N, C-alpha and C. Protein backbone atom coordinates (compact mmCIF):
# COMPACT_ATOMS: atom_id res chain seq x y z
N MET A 1 72.91 50.85 262.80
CA MET A 1 71.77 51.66 262.40
C MET A 1 71.90 53.02 263.06
N THR A 2 71.73 54.06 262.28
CA THR A 2 71.82 55.40 262.83
C THR A 2 70.49 55.80 263.44
N ALA A 3 70.50 56.88 264.16
CA ALA A 3 69.30 57.32 264.87
C ALA A 3 68.17 57.72 263.93
N THR A 4 68.47 58.05 262.67
CA THR A 4 67.41 58.49 261.78
C THR A 4 67.04 57.46 260.72
N THR A 5 67.70 56.33 260.68
CA THR A 5 67.42 55.34 259.65
C THR A 5 66.19 54.52 260.01
N ALA A 6 65.26 54.43 259.07
CA ALA A 6 64.05 53.62 259.27
C ALA A 6 64.23 52.28 258.57
N TYR A 7 63.91 51.22 259.29
CA TYR A 7 63.93 49.87 258.77
C TYR A 7 65.32 49.47 258.27
N ASP A 8 65.41 48.74 257.19
CA ASP A 8 66.69 48.29 256.68
C ASP A 8 67.12 49.08 255.47
N ASN A 9 66.41 50.12 255.14
CA ASN A 9 66.68 50.91 253.94
C ASN A 9 67.25 52.26 254.35
N PRO A 10 68.54 52.51 254.10
CA PRO A 10 69.14 53.78 254.52
C PRO A 10 68.58 55.00 253.81
N ASP A 11 67.83 54.79 252.71
CA ASP A 11 67.24 55.92 251.99
C ASP A 11 65.96 56.42 252.66
N LEU A 12 65.39 55.65 253.57
CA LEU A 12 64.17 56.04 254.26
C LEU A 12 64.52 56.49 255.66
N THR A 13 64.04 57.66 256.05
CA THR A 13 64.33 58.17 257.39
C THR A 13 63.05 58.29 258.19
N LEU A 14 63.20 58.43 259.48
CA LEU A 14 62.04 58.56 260.36
C LEU A 14 61.21 59.78 259.99
N THR A 15 61.84 60.82 259.48
CA THR A 15 61.09 62.01 259.10
C THR A 15 60.25 61.77 257.85
N ASP A 16 60.59 60.75 257.05
CA ASP A 16 59.80 60.41 255.86
C ASP A 16 58.55 59.61 256.22
N CYS A 17 58.53 59.04 257.37
CA CYS A 17 57.49 58.10 257.76
C CYS A 17 56.38 58.79 258.54
N PRO A 18 55.12 58.64 258.10
CA PRO A 18 54.03 59.27 258.83
C PRO A 18 53.60 58.49 260.08
N TRP A 19 54.19 57.32 260.29
CA TRP A 19 53.83 56.53 261.46
C TRP A 19 54.46 57.14 262.71
N PRO A 20 53.83 56.95 263.87
CA PRO A 20 54.40 57.47 265.12
C PRO A 20 55.54 56.58 265.62
N ILE A 21 56.73 56.78 265.06
CA ILE A 21 57.89 55.97 265.40
C ILE A 21 58.85 56.78 266.25
N THR A 22 59.33 56.15 267.31
CA THR A 22 60.35 56.74 268.17
C THR A 22 61.46 55.72 268.35
N GLN A 23 62.44 56.07 269.15
CA GLN A 23 63.49 55.13 269.50
C GLN A 23 63.46 54.91 271.00
N ASP A 24 63.70 53.65 271.40
CA ASP A 24 63.76 53.38 272.83
C ASP A 24 65.16 53.69 273.34
N ASP A 25 65.42 53.43 274.63
CA ASP A 25 66.71 53.75 275.22
C ASP A 25 67.87 52.92 274.66
N ARG A 26 67.56 51.85 273.92
CA ARG A 26 68.60 51.03 273.29
C ARG A 26 68.80 51.41 271.82
N GLY A 27 68.07 52.41 271.34
CA GLY A 27 68.19 52.84 269.95
C GLY A 27 67.34 52.04 268.98
N ARG A 28 66.47 51.16 269.50
CA ARG A 28 65.60 50.37 268.64
C ARG A 28 64.40 51.20 268.22
N LEU A 29 63.92 50.96 267.00
CA LEU A 29 62.74 51.67 266.51
C LEU A 29 61.48 51.08 267.13
N VAL A 30 60.61 51.96 267.62
CA VAL A 30 59.39 51.54 268.29
C VAL A 30 58.20 52.25 267.64
N LEU A 31 57.19 51.49 267.30
CA LEU A 31 55.96 52.03 266.73
C LEU A 31 54.93 52.15 267.84
N GLU A 32 54.44 53.36 268.06
CA GLU A 32 53.38 53.60 269.04
C GLU A 32 52.05 53.29 268.37
N LEU A 33 51.31 52.33 268.93
CA LEU A 33 50.05 51.92 268.33
C LEU A 33 48.93 52.90 268.67
N GLY A 34 48.01 53.02 267.78
CA GLY A 34 46.88 53.94 267.90
C GLY A 34 46.51 54.40 266.50
N GLU A 35 47.36 55.30 265.92
CA GLU A 35 47.18 55.70 264.52
C GLU A 35 47.43 54.51 263.60
N VAL A 36 48.29 53.62 264.03
CA VAL A 36 48.57 52.37 263.34
C VAL A 36 48.13 51.26 264.28
N ALA A 37 47.42 50.27 263.75
CA ALA A 37 46.98 49.14 264.57
C ALA A 37 47.82 47.92 264.20
N ALA A 38 47.77 46.91 265.06
CA ALA A 38 48.54 45.69 264.83
C ALA A 38 47.70 44.49 265.23
N LEU A 39 47.64 43.50 264.32
CA LEU A 39 46.91 42.27 264.57
C LEU A 39 47.92 41.13 264.58
N SER A 40 48.03 40.44 265.69
CA SER A 40 48.98 39.34 265.85
C SER A 40 48.27 38.02 265.57
N ILE A 41 48.89 37.21 264.70
CA ILE A 41 48.30 35.94 264.27
C ILE A 41 49.39 34.88 264.25
N ARG A 42 49.06 33.64 264.66
CA ARG A 42 50.04 32.56 264.55
C ARG A 42 50.49 32.40 263.11
N ALA A 43 51.75 32.07 262.93
CA ALA A 43 52.38 32.09 261.60
C ALA A 43 51.63 31.26 260.56
N GLY A 44 51.25 30.04 260.85
CA GLY A 44 50.58 29.21 259.86
C GLY A 44 49.29 29.83 259.37
N ARG A 45 48.48 30.27 260.29
CA ARG A 45 47.21 30.92 259.95
C ARG A 45 47.47 32.25 259.25
N ALA A 46 48.50 32.96 259.69
CA ALA A 46 48.85 34.24 259.09
C ALA A 46 49.27 34.06 257.64
N GLY A 47 49.99 32.98 257.35
CA GLY A 47 50.38 32.68 255.98
C GLY A 47 49.17 32.47 255.09
N GLU A 48 48.16 31.79 255.64
CA GLU A 48 46.91 31.59 254.90
C GLU A 48 46.22 32.94 254.66
N ALA A 49 46.20 33.79 255.69
CA ALA A 49 45.59 35.11 255.54
C ALA A 49 46.36 35.93 254.51
N LEU A 50 47.67 35.83 254.52
CA LEU A 50 48.49 36.57 253.57
C LEU A 50 48.19 36.15 252.14
N SER A 51 47.93 34.87 251.92
CA SER A 51 47.63 34.40 250.56
C SER A 51 46.32 34.99 250.05
N TRP A 52 45.43 35.39 250.96
CA TRP A 52 44.16 36.01 250.59
C TRP A 52 44.41 37.32 249.84
N PHE A 53 45.52 38.00 250.16
CA PHE A 53 45.85 39.27 249.52
C PHE A 53 46.52 39.10 248.17
N ALA A 54 46.93 37.88 247.82
CA ALA A 54 47.73 37.64 246.62
C ALA A 54 47.09 38.18 245.35
N GLY A 55 45.81 38.05 245.20
CA GLY A 55 45.15 38.51 243.98
C GLY A 55 44.57 39.90 244.08
N SER A 56 44.89 40.61 245.13
CA SER A 56 44.29 41.94 245.31
C SER A 56 45.35 43.04 245.17
N ALA A 57 44.88 44.26 245.14
CA ALA A 57 45.78 45.42 245.06
C ALA A 57 46.27 45.82 246.45
N ILE A 58 45.80 45.14 247.47
CA ILE A 58 46.19 45.47 248.85
C ILE A 58 47.51 44.78 249.17
N ARG A 59 48.47 45.54 249.66
CA ARG A 59 49.78 44.98 250.03
C ARG A 59 49.97 45.16 251.54
N PRO A 60 49.88 44.07 252.28
CA PRO A 60 50.04 44.19 253.73
C PRO A 60 51.50 44.43 254.12
N THR A 61 51.69 45.00 255.28
CA THR A 61 53.01 45.14 255.89
C THR A 61 52.99 44.21 257.09
N VAL A 62 53.93 43.25 257.12
CA VAL A 62 53.89 42.18 258.12
C VAL A 62 55.27 41.99 258.72
N LEU A 63 55.32 41.83 260.03
CA LEU A 63 56.57 41.48 260.69
C LEU A 63 56.38 40.18 261.46
N THR A 64 57.47 39.54 261.80
CA THR A 64 57.40 38.27 262.52
C THR A 64 58.12 38.40 263.85
N ARG A 65 57.58 37.71 264.85
CA ARG A 65 58.18 37.65 266.18
C ARG A 65 58.35 36.19 266.55
N THR A 66 59.60 35.79 266.77
CA THR A 66 59.84 34.42 267.21
C THR A 66 59.79 34.39 268.73
N GLY A 67 59.42 33.29 269.27
CA GLY A 67 59.33 33.11 270.71
C GLY A 67 58.87 31.69 270.95
N ARG A 68 58.02 31.50 271.94
CA ARG A 68 57.46 30.16 272.14
C ARG A 68 56.67 29.72 270.92
N THR A 69 55.96 30.66 270.32
CA THR A 69 55.27 30.40 269.05
C THR A 69 55.68 31.49 268.08
N LEU A 70 55.67 31.16 266.81
CA LEU A 70 56.00 32.14 265.79
C LEU A 70 54.74 32.94 265.48
N GLN A 71 54.80 34.22 265.72
CA GLN A 71 53.66 35.11 265.47
C GLN A 71 54.00 36.06 264.33
N TRP A 72 53.02 36.34 263.50
CA TRP A 72 53.15 37.38 262.50
C TRP A 72 52.27 38.54 262.95
N VAL A 73 52.74 39.73 262.73
CA VAL A 73 52.00 40.94 263.10
C VAL A 73 51.72 41.75 261.84
N PHE A 74 50.44 41.90 261.52
CA PHE A 74 50.01 42.71 260.39
C PHE A 74 49.81 44.14 260.90
N LEU A 75 50.48 45.10 260.28
CA LEU A 75 50.28 46.50 260.62
C LEU A 75 49.17 47.04 259.72
N THR A 76 48.23 47.76 260.30
CA THR A 76 47.06 48.22 259.57
C THR A 76 46.75 49.67 259.90
N GLN A 77 45.78 50.21 259.16
CA GLN A 77 45.21 51.49 259.52
C GLN A 77 44.49 51.31 260.86
N PRO A 78 44.04 52.38 261.50
CA PRO A 78 43.45 52.26 262.83
C PRO A 78 42.36 51.19 262.93
N GLU A 79 42.33 50.56 264.09
CA GLU A 79 41.34 49.52 264.36
C GLU A 79 39.94 50.12 264.31
N THR A 80 39.00 49.33 263.78
CA THR A 80 37.60 49.76 263.74
C THR A 80 36.77 48.83 264.62
N ALA A 81 35.56 49.24 264.90
CA ALA A 81 34.67 48.45 265.75
C ALA A 81 34.41 47.09 265.10
N MET A 82 34.29 46.07 265.96
CA MET A 82 34.02 44.71 265.48
C MET A 82 32.82 44.14 266.22
N SER A 83 32.09 43.28 265.55
CA SER A 83 30.96 42.61 266.18
C SER A 83 31.49 41.56 267.16
N LEU A 84 30.61 41.10 268.01
CA LEU A 84 31.00 40.03 268.94
C LEU A 84 31.37 38.75 268.19
N ALA A 85 30.68 38.47 267.08
CA ALA A 85 30.97 37.28 266.28
C ALA A 85 32.38 37.37 265.70
N THR A 86 32.77 38.56 265.23
CA THR A 86 34.11 38.75 264.68
C THR A 86 35.16 38.56 265.76
N ARG A 87 34.91 39.16 266.93
CA ARG A 87 35.85 39.00 268.05
C ARG A 87 35.98 37.52 268.44
N ALA A 88 34.87 36.80 268.44
CA ALA A 88 34.90 35.37 268.78
C ALA A 88 35.71 34.59 267.74
N ASP A 89 35.54 34.91 266.46
CA ASP A 89 36.31 34.24 265.41
C ASP A 89 37.80 34.49 265.59
N LEU A 90 38.17 35.74 265.86
CA LEU A 90 39.59 36.06 266.04
C LEU A 90 40.16 35.33 267.26
N ALA A 91 39.39 35.26 268.33
CA ALA A 91 39.85 34.54 269.52
C ALA A 91 40.03 33.05 269.21
N TYR A 92 39.09 32.48 268.47
CA TYR A 92 39.18 31.08 268.07
C TYR A 92 40.44 30.82 267.25
N LEU A 93 40.80 31.80 266.42
CA LEU A 93 41.98 31.69 265.55
C LEU A 93 43.27 32.09 266.27
N SER A 94 43.19 32.39 267.55
CA SER A 94 44.34 32.86 268.34
C SER A 94 44.93 34.13 267.75
N ALA A 95 44.08 34.97 267.19
CA ALA A 95 44.51 36.27 266.67
C ALA A 95 44.09 37.33 267.67
N CYS A 96 44.95 38.30 267.89
CA CYS A 96 44.58 39.34 268.84
C CYS A 96 45.14 40.70 268.42
N SER A 97 44.40 41.72 268.80
CA SER A 97 44.81 43.09 268.58
C SER A 97 45.88 43.44 269.62
N LEU A 98 46.94 44.09 269.18
CA LEU A 98 47.99 44.50 270.10
C LEU A 98 47.77 45.94 270.51
N THR A 99 48.21 46.28 271.70
CA THR A 99 48.11 47.65 272.19
C THR A 99 49.48 48.09 272.68
N GLY A 100 49.66 49.38 272.82
CA GLY A 100 50.91 49.90 273.36
C GLY A 100 51.92 50.21 272.28
N ARG A 101 53.01 49.43 272.28
CA ARG A 101 54.11 49.68 271.35
C ARG A 101 54.57 48.37 270.72
N VAL A 102 55.11 48.48 269.50
CA VAL A 102 55.66 47.32 268.80
C VAL A 102 57.07 47.68 268.35
N LEU A 103 58.02 46.80 268.68
CA LEU A 103 59.38 46.98 268.16
C LEU A 103 59.37 46.71 266.67
N LEU A 104 60.09 47.52 265.91
CA LEU A 104 60.19 47.33 264.48
C LEU A 104 61.52 46.66 264.13
N PRO A 105 61.51 45.86 263.09
CA PRO A 105 62.73 45.16 262.66
C PRO A 105 63.82 46.12 262.20
N PRO A 106 65.05 45.66 262.23
CA PRO A 106 65.48 44.44 262.90
C PRO A 106 65.68 44.71 264.39
N ALA A 107 65.21 43.82 265.24
CA ALA A 107 65.33 44.01 266.68
C ALA A 107 65.31 42.66 267.38
N GLU A 108 65.73 42.69 268.62
CA GLU A 108 65.68 41.53 269.51
C GLU A 108 65.19 42.03 270.86
N CYS A 109 64.38 41.22 271.53
CA CYS A 109 63.90 41.58 272.86
C CYS A 109 63.64 40.30 273.64
N ASP A 110 64.36 40.11 274.73
CA ASP A 110 64.18 38.94 275.58
C ASP A 110 64.20 37.63 274.78
N GLY A 111 65.15 37.52 273.87
CA GLY A 111 65.29 36.30 273.08
C GLY A 111 64.32 36.18 271.91
N VAL A 112 63.50 37.20 271.70
CA VAL A 112 62.54 37.20 270.59
C VAL A 112 63.13 38.04 269.47
N ALA A 113 63.28 37.43 268.29
CA ALA A 113 63.78 38.15 267.11
C ALA A 113 62.61 38.73 266.35
N ILE A 114 62.75 39.96 265.91
CA ILE A 114 61.70 40.64 265.16
C ILE A 114 62.27 40.97 263.78
N ARG A 115 61.61 40.46 262.75
CA ARG A 115 62.07 40.63 261.37
C ARG A 115 60.87 40.93 260.47
N TRP A 116 61.12 41.50 259.30
CA TRP A 116 60.05 41.75 258.33
C TRP A 116 59.73 40.48 257.57
N VAL A 117 58.46 40.18 257.39
CA VAL A 117 57.99 39.18 256.43
C VAL A 117 57.78 39.93 255.12
N ILE A 118 57.03 41.03 255.19
CA ILE A 118 56.85 41.96 254.07
C ILE A 118 57.05 43.35 254.65
N GLY A 119 58.13 43.99 254.28
CA GLY A 119 58.45 45.32 254.80
C GLY A 119 57.60 46.39 254.13
N PRO A 120 57.63 47.58 254.71
CA PRO A 120 56.84 48.69 254.17
C PRO A 120 57.44 49.21 252.87
N LEU A 121 56.57 49.75 252.03
CA LEU A 121 57.01 50.44 250.82
C LEU A 121 57.16 51.92 251.13
N PRO A 122 57.90 52.64 250.32
CA PRO A 122 58.05 54.08 250.56
C PRO A 122 56.73 54.85 250.60
N THR A 123 55.66 54.30 250.01
CA THR A 123 54.37 54.98 250.04
C THR A 123 53.74 54.93 251.43
N TRP A 124 54.14 53.97 252.25
CA TRP A 124 53.69 53.82 253.64
C TRP A 124 52.20 53.55 253.77
N GLU A 125 51.53 53.14 252.71
CA GLU A 125 50.09 52.88 252.77
C GLU A 125 49.84 51.52 253.43
N LEU A 126 49.10 51.53 254.49
CA LEU A 126 48.76 50.29 255.20
C LEU A 126 47.36 49.84 254.82
N PRO A 127 47.12 48.52 254.87
CA PRO A 127 45.76 48.05 254.58
C PRO A 127 44.80 48.46 255.70
N ARG A 128 43.54 48.51 255.37
CA ARG A 128 42.53 48.80 256.40
C ARG A 128 42.45 47.64 257.37
N TRP A 129 42.14 47.96 258.61
CA TRP A 129 41.99 46.96 259.66
C TRP A 129 41.02 45.87 259.23
N GLN A 130 39.86 46.29 258.70
CA GLN A 130 38.81 45.32 258.35
C GLN A 130 39.26 44.38 257.23
N HIS A 131 40.17 44.81 256.35
CA HIS A 131 40.66 43.91 255.31
C HIS A 131 41.50 42.78 255.90
N VAL A 132 42.35 43.11 256.85
CA VAL A 132 43.19 42.08 257.48
C VAL A 132 42.32 41.15 258.33
N VAL A 133 41.34 41.70 259.02
CA VAL A 133 40.43 40.87 259.81
C VAL A 133 39.64 39.94 258.87
N ALA A 134 39.17 40.46 257.75
CA ALA A 134 38.42 39.63 256.79
C ALA A 134 39.31 38.51 256.25
N ALA A 135 40.55 38.82 255.93
CA ALA A 135 41.48 37.79 255.43
C ALA A 135 41.70 36.72 256.49
N THR A 136 41.83 37.14 257.73
CA THR A 136 42.04 36.20 258.84
C THR A 136 40.81 35.32 259.03
N ARG A 137 39.65 35.92 259.01
CA ARG A 137 38.41 35.15 259.17
C ARG A 137 38.18 34.20 258.01
N ALA A 138 38.63 34.58 256.81
CA ALA A 138 38.47 33.73 255.63
C ALA A 138 39.21 32.40 255.79
N THR A 139 40.23 32.37 256.64
CA THR A 139 40.97 31.12 256.85
C THR A 139 40.12 30.09 257.59
N LEU A 140 39.05 30.52 258.22
CA LEU A 140 38.14 29.57 258.89
C LEU A 140 37.45 28.66 257.88
N ALA A 141 37.19 29.22 256.69
CA ALA A 141 36.51 28.46 255.65
C ALA A 141 37.45 27.57 254.87
N ALA A 142 38.73 27.81 255.01
CA ALA A 142 39.73 27.03 254.24
C ALA A 142 39.89 25.63 254.79
C-alpha cells in the first residue's frame, strides 16, 4: 500500500476522502475520531443491526476487529447526545462509543485483524449516529 492509497481501492486517495485520516509510524491508515464517530458492537448483535438497514436507503460503513471477541465497528456522522435510557440499552447490548483513533483496514495490531465488512463508497456518506444507535436498540425487540 502506498502512502496515498485509501482502503483497498487504488483509485481512491487520502486527498479524496473528507475524513480525518492520517498514517501512523508503520504506514497504517488511522481515522481520528470526532468528525467521524464509531460505535463498537459484538458481531452477532451487529449483524442483526445491519439487517435493519437492508430495506432502507442508508448504507452503513462497517469494519471488523478480531480479538477475544469479534467486534464490528460502525462508522457514523458525529455522535449526538443520548438519553440515559439509550446509554443503558447500549451498555446492556455491550455496544460502546469509541474515542481517539481507529485503524482502518487492512491492518493488524497486537494480533487483532481489522477488515471491512462493508467498505466505504466513493461518495463517503456515513449514516447518522442516531440511525446506527436506533438499529442497535431495535435488536432488543428481536
